[in-house]
N, C-alpha and C. Protein backbone atom coordinates (compact mmCIF):
# COMPACT_ATOMS: atom_id res chain seq x y z
N MET A 1 0.56 -0.73 0.29
CA MET A 1 -0.07 -0.21 -0.30
C MET A 1 0.81 1.18 -0.18
N THR A 2 0.32 2.51 -0.78
CA THR A 2 1.51 3.58 -0.74
C THR A 2 1.34 4.89 -0.18
N THR A 3 1.57 5.37 0.84
CA THR A 3 1.39 5.54 1.75
C THR A 3 1.38 7.88 0.20
N LYS A 4 0.06 8.75 0.63
CA LYS A 4 0.65 9.69 0.45
C LYS A 4 0.36 10.51 1.06
N THR A 5 1.11 11.92 -0.08
CA THR A 5 1.34 12.89 1.53
C THR A 5 0.02 13.37 1.35
N HIS A 6 0.05 14.60 2.37
CA HIS A 6 -0.93 15.71 2.25
C HIS A 6 -1.17 16.52 0.97
N GLU A 7 0.09 16.56 0.21
CA GLU A 7 -0.65 17.56 -0.51
C GLU A 7 -0.33 17.06 -1.90
N GLU A 8 -0.26 15.12 -1.95
CA GLU A 8 -0.74 15.00 -2.53
C GLU A 8 -2.09 14.82 -2.37
N MET A 9 -2.56 13.89 -1.83
CA MET A 9 -3.86 13.70 -1.53
C MET A 9 -5.05 15.02 -1.67
N LEU A 10 -4.64 15.91 -1.28
CA LEU A 10 -4.68 17.76 -2.03
C LEU A 10 -5.14 17.68 -3.54
N ALA A 11 -4.11 17.41 -4.02
CA ALA A 11 -3.39 17.86 -4.96
C ALA A 11 -4.99 16.76 -6.16
N GLU A 12 -4.98 15.86 -5.54
CA GLU A 12 -6.11 14.35 -5.62
C GLU A 12 -7.58 15.00 -5.74
N LEU A 13 -7.69 16.21 -4.62
CA LEU A 13 -9.45 16.68 -4.36
C LEU A 13 -9.18 17.50 -5.38
N ILE A 14 -7.85 18.42 -4.97
CA ILE A 14 -8.98 19.57 -6.02
C ILE A 14 -8.30 18.97 -8.28
N GLY A 15 -7.84 18.22 -8.77
CA GLY A 15 -8.08 17.87 -9.82
C GLY A 15 -9.41 17.46 -10.02
N ARG A 16 -9.70 16.68 -9.47
CA ARG A 16 -11.29 15.80 -9.06
C ARG A 16 -11.76 16.66 -9.64
N ALA A 17 -12.22 17.72 -8.29
CA ALA A 17 -13.29 19.04 -8.59
C ALA A 17 -13.25 19.82 -9.27
N ALA A 18 -11.93 19.48 -10.10
CA ALA A 18 -11.67 21.01 -11.46
C ALA A 18 -12.73 20.34 -12.52
N GLN A 19 -12.50 18.63 -13.06
CA GLN A 19 -12.83 18.17 -13.81
C GLN A 19 -14.42 17.79 -13.40
N ASP A 20 -14.71 17.52 -11.68
CA ASP A 20 -16.03 16.53 -12.08
C ASP A 20 -17.05 17.38 -11.08
N GLU A 21 -17.93 18.69 -12.16
CA GLU A 21 -19.18 19.77 -11.68
C GLU A 21 -20.18 19.01 -9.74
N GLY A 22 -20.30 17.57 -9.81
CA GLY A 22 -20.72 17.38 -9.45
C GLY A 22 -20.09 16.82 -7.58
N PHE A 23 -18.83 15.90 -8.23
CA PHE A 23 -17.71 16.12 -6.48
C PHE A 23 -16.87 17.31 -6.44
N ARG A 24 -16.98 18.05 -7.02
CA ARG A 24 -17.26 19.47 -6.42
C ARG A 24 -18.28 20.13 -5.52
N ALA A 25 -19.08 19.90 -6.02
CA ALA A 25 -20.69 20.36 -5.08
C ALA A 25 -20.78 19.58 -3.64
N GLN A 26 -20.16 18.15 -3.97
CA GLN A 26 -20.13 17.63 -2.28
C GLN A 26 -19.16 18.18 -1.38
N LEU A 27 -17.62 17.65 -2.14
CA LEU A 27 -16.75 18.86 -1.63
C LEU A 27 -17.15 20.06 -0.89
N ILE A 28 -18.03 20.74 -1.22
CA ILE A 28 -18.41 21.77 -0.28
C ILE A 28 -19.12 21.32 0.65
N ALA A 29 -20.60 20.82 -0.15
CA ALA A 29 -21.31 20.37 1.00
C ALA A 29 -21.15 19.71 1.89
N GLU A 30 -20.11 18.67 1.77
CA GLU A 30 -20.02 17.64 2.49
C GLU A 30 -19.06 17.07 2.94
N PRO A 31 -17.40 17.76 2.56
CA PRO A 31 -16.24 17.42 2.78
C PRO A 31 -15.52 16.15 4.07
N LYS A 32 -16.31 15.23 3.93
CA LYS A 32 -15.54 14.42 4.38
C LYS A 32 -16.04 13.27 4.09
N VAL A 33 -17.39 13.37 3.12
CA VAL A 33 -17.91 12.05 2.32
C VAL A 33 -17.01 11.67 1.52
N ALA A 34 -17.02 13.60 0.90
CA ALA A 34 -16.40 12.88 -0.45
C ALA A 34 -15.00 12.65 0.08
N ILE A 35 -14.54 13.29 0.68
CA ILE A 35 -13.16 12.28 0.79
C ILE A 35 -12.91 11.01 0.89
N LYS A 36 -13.88 10.22 2.10
CA LYS A 36 -13.32 9.49 2.02
C LYS A 36 -14.01 8.39 0.31
N ASP A 37 -14.99 9.26 -0.13
CA ASP A 37 -15.87 8.32 -1.76
C ASP A 37 -14.64 8.17 -2.42
N ALA A 38 -13.27 9.51 -2.77
CA ALA A 38 -11.83 10.37 -3.33
C ALA A 38 -11.20 9.12 -2.64
N LEU A 39 -10.85 9.23 -1.99
CA LEU A 39 -9.99 8.53 -1.26
C LEU A 39 -9.97 7.36 -0.70
N GLY A 40 -11.03 7.37 0.21
CA GLY A 40 -10.96 6.18 1.22
C GLY A 40 -10.45 6.34 2.69
N ILE A 41 -10.86 7.67 2.63
CA ILE A 41 -10.01 7.80 4.47
C ILE A 41 -10.99 8.69 4.86
N ASP A 42 -11.30 8.16 6.36
CA ASP A 42 -11.98 8.00 6.99
C ASP A 42 -11.64 9.86 8.14
N VAL A 43 -11.36 10.55 7.88
CA VAL A 43 -11.24 12.54 8.91
C VAL A 43 -12.22 11.73 9.23
N PRO A 44 -11.08 11.92 11.11
CA PRO A 44 -11.49 11.91 12.39
C PRO A 44 -12.39 13.16 13.37
N GLU A 45 -14.02 12.86 14.34
CA GLU A 45 -14.72 13.37 13.87
C GLU A 45 -14.43 14.96 15.17
N SER A 46 -13.37 14.45 15.53
CA SER A 46 -12.65 15.92 16.21
C SER A 46 -12.63 16.03 15.10
N VAL A 47 -11.77 16.08 14.20
CA VAL A 47 -11.50 16.92 12.78
C VAL A 47 -12.40 17.85 11.80
N SER A 48 -11.96 19.42 12.00
CA SER A 48 -13.23 19.96 10.91
C SER A 48 -12.35 19.80 9.91
N VAL A 49 -13.45 19.99 8.54
CA VAL A 49 -12.80 20.47 6.63
C VAL A 49 -13.77 21.38 6.33
N ALA A 50 -13.32 22.75 6.71
CA ALA A 50 -13.90 23.40 5.64
C ALA A 50 -13.05 24.04 4.50
N VAL A 51 -13.95 23.61 3.77
CA VAL A 51 -13.80 23.43 1.95
C VAL A 51 -14.09 24.94 1.33
N HIS A 52 -13.61 26.11 0.49
CA HIS A 52 -13.88 27.45 0.38
C HIS A 52 -13.36 27.36 -1.20
N GLU A 53 -14.16 27.95 -1.61
CA GLU A 53 -14.12 28.45 -3.51
C GLU A 53 -13.58 29.57 -3.92
N ASP A 54 -12.06 29.91 -4.04
CA ASP A 54 -12.26 30.88 -4.21
C ASP A 54 -13.15 31.89 -5.82
N THR A 55 -13.16 32.86 -5.86
CA THR A 55 -13.60 33.54 -6.94
C THR A 55 -13.31 34.20 -7.75
N ALA A 56 -13.31 35.66 -8.53
CA ALA A 56 -12.75 36.33 -9.44
C ALA A 56 -12.75 37.37 -8.14
N THR A 57 -13.48 37.53 -7.01
CA THR A 57 -13.23 38.20 -6.62
C THR A 57 -13.36 38.53 -5.23
N THR A 58 -12.93 36.52 -5.02
CA THR A 58 -12.37 36.35 -3.97
C THR A 58 -11.04 35.73 -3.11
N ALA A 59 -9.68 35.53 -3.51
CA ALA A 59 -9.22 34.78 -3.28
C ALA A 59 -9.51 34.21 -1.44
N HIS A 60 -8.82 32.47 -1.78
CA HIS A 60 -8.21 31.95 -0.02
C HIS A 60 -6.82 32.16 0.93
N LEU A 61 -6.95 32.37 1.87
CA LEU A 61 -5.24 31.54 2.03
C LEU A 61 -5.52 31.40 3.13
N VAL A 62 -4.74 30.21 2.88
CA VAL A 62 -4.53 29.18 4.32
C VAL A 62 -3.33 29.84 5.13
N LEU A 63 -3.52 29.67 6.52
CA LEU A 63 -1.45 29.36 7.80
C LEU A 63 -2.17 28.33 7.80
N PRO A 64 -0.88 27.99 8.27
CA PRO A 64 -1.01 26.95 8.97
C PRO A 64 -1.11 27.25 10.20
N PRO A 65 -1.05 26.50 10.95
CA PRO A 65 -1.51 26.18 12.65
C PRO A 65 -0.35 27.28 13.37
N SER A 66 -0.62 27.76 14.30
CA SER A 66 0.40 28.35 15.01
C SER A 66 1.62 27.98 15.71
N PRO A 67 2.26 27.45 15.39
CA PRO A 67 3.77 26.91 16.04
C PRO A 67 3.69 27.14 18.17
N GLN A 68 3.33 27.92 18.31
CA GLN A 68 3.47 28.92 19.78
C GLN A 68 2.49 27.88 20.51
N LEU A 69 1.91 27.74 21.42
CA LEU A 69 1.11 27.01 22.09
C LEU A 69 0.68 27.53 23.76
N GLY A 70 -0.34 27.44 23.97
CA GLY A 70 -1.11 28.51 24.34
C GLY A 70 -0.56 28.03 26.07
N ASP A 71 -1.10 28.63 27.45
CA ASP A 71 -0.74 27.73 28.85
C ASP A 71 -1.59 26.79 28.27
N ALA A 72 -2.85 26.59 28.36
CA ALA A 72 -3.29 25.11 28.45
C ALA A 72 -3.03 24.21 27.52
N GLU A 73 -1.99 23.98 26.72
CA GLU A 73 -1.47 23.64 26.00
C GLU A 73 0.01 22.80 26.51
N LEU A 74 0.24 24.04 26.80
CA LEU A 74 1.86 24.15 27.27
C LEU A 74 1.53 22.92 28.38
N ALA A 75 0.49 23.32 30.00
CA ALA A 75 0.35 22.34 31.13
C ALA A 75 0.24 20.69 30.68
N ALA A 76 -0.12 20.95 28.94
CA ALA A 76 -1.30 19.96 29.04
C ALA A 76 0.31 18.03 28.71
N VAL A 77 1.33 19.65 28.17
CA VAL A 77 2.10 18.86 27.62
C VAL A 77 3.04 18.31 28.97
N ALA A 78 3.82 19.35 30.02
CA ALA A 78 3.78 19.30 31.24
C ALA A 78 3.38 18.24 32.61
N ALA A 79 2.79 18.02 31.85
CA ALA A 79 1.42 16.48 32.50
C ALA A 79 1.11 15.76 31.52
N GLY A 80 2.16 14.74 30.32
CA GLY A 80 2.63 14.19 30.13
C GLY A 80 1.64 13.89 28.58
N HIS A 81 0.43 14.28 28.77
CA HIS A 81 -1.08 14.89 27.72
C HIS A 81 -0.66 15.07 26.11
N SER A 82 0.52 14.60 25.29
CA SER A 82 0.86 15.49 24.38
C SER A 82 0.00 15.21 23.45
N GLU A 83 -1.30 14.21 23.38
CA GLU A 83 -2.17 14.24 22.27
C GLU A 83 -3.23 14.38 21.78
N SER A 84 -3.48 15.23 23.51
CA SER A 84 -4.34 16.43 22.98
C SER A 84 -4.40 18.14 23.06
N VAL A 85 -2.34 18.32 22.76
CA VAL A 85 -2.37 19.55 22.55
C VAL A 85 -2.21 19.73 21.26
N TYR A 86 -1.95 18.66 20.63
CA TYR A 86 -1.89 18.34 19.25
C TYR A 86 -3.18 18.19 18.18
N ASP A 87 -4.37 17.65 19.54
CA ASP A 87 -5.79 17.41 18.72
C ASP A 87 -5.78 19.14 17.46
N GLY A 88 -5.37 18.46 16.36
CA GLY A 88 -6.67 20.12 15.83
C GLY A 88 -5.47 20.77 15.59
N LYS A 89 -4.26 20.73 15.81
CA LYS A 89 -3.81 22.24 15.70
C LYS A 89 -2.21 21.93 15.01
N LEU A 90 -2.74 20.27 14.80
CA LEU A 90 -1.89 20.27 13.44
C LEU A 90 -2.58 20.07 12.29
N PRO A 91 -1.93 19.75 10.55
CA PRO A 91 -2.61 19.19 10.33
C PRO A 91 -3.08 17.94 9.99
N PRO A 92 -4.44 18.12 9.49
CA PRO A 92 -4.99 15.92 10.57
C PRO A 92 -4.46 14.91 9.95
N HIS A 93 -4.11 14.07 10.84
CA HIS A 93 -3.80 13.23 10.77
C HIS A 93 -4.92 11.83 9.48
N TRP A 94 -4.57 11.96 8.47
CA TRP A 94 -6.19 10.94 7.60
C TRP A 94 -5.94 10.11 7.94
N HIS A 95 -7.35 8.51 8.59
CA HIS A 95 -6.36 7.30 8.54
C HIS A 95 -6.77 6.73 7.32
N GLU A 96 -6.43 5.43 6.58
CA GLU A 96 -7.28 4.47 5.36
C GLU A 96 -7.96 3.66 5.84
N GLY A 97 -9.14 4.16 5.94
CA GLY A 97 -10.72 3.52 6.32
C GLY A 97 -10.64 1.49 5.90
N PRO A 98 -11.73 1.10 5.86
CA PRO A 98 -11.93 -0.69 5.82
C PRO A 98 -12.30 0.14 4.30
N THR A 99 -11.83 -1.07 3.50
CA THR A 99 -11.72 -0.98 2.02
C THR A 99 -12.93 -1.94 1.63
């Protein structure tokens, strides 16, 4: 089984959305369902997926998560709860679902 990078998966989704208007509409309306259908990947419930479509007058810029941790995250790390710190803070770690 070949593991795709986040960038490769994103390129695949964007490419399919550019060629298939039905998939594009589903990706906008139900991104987790569209991702599952296209890539066979279950996006965890704890991860939110937002799809934004650029227009002739609106462009979207996506910034990566801030590398700085707040007081609550620092306390969690100090207590050894690293998973709670990273939940939602890094790009989603998608897991392949059953085929």
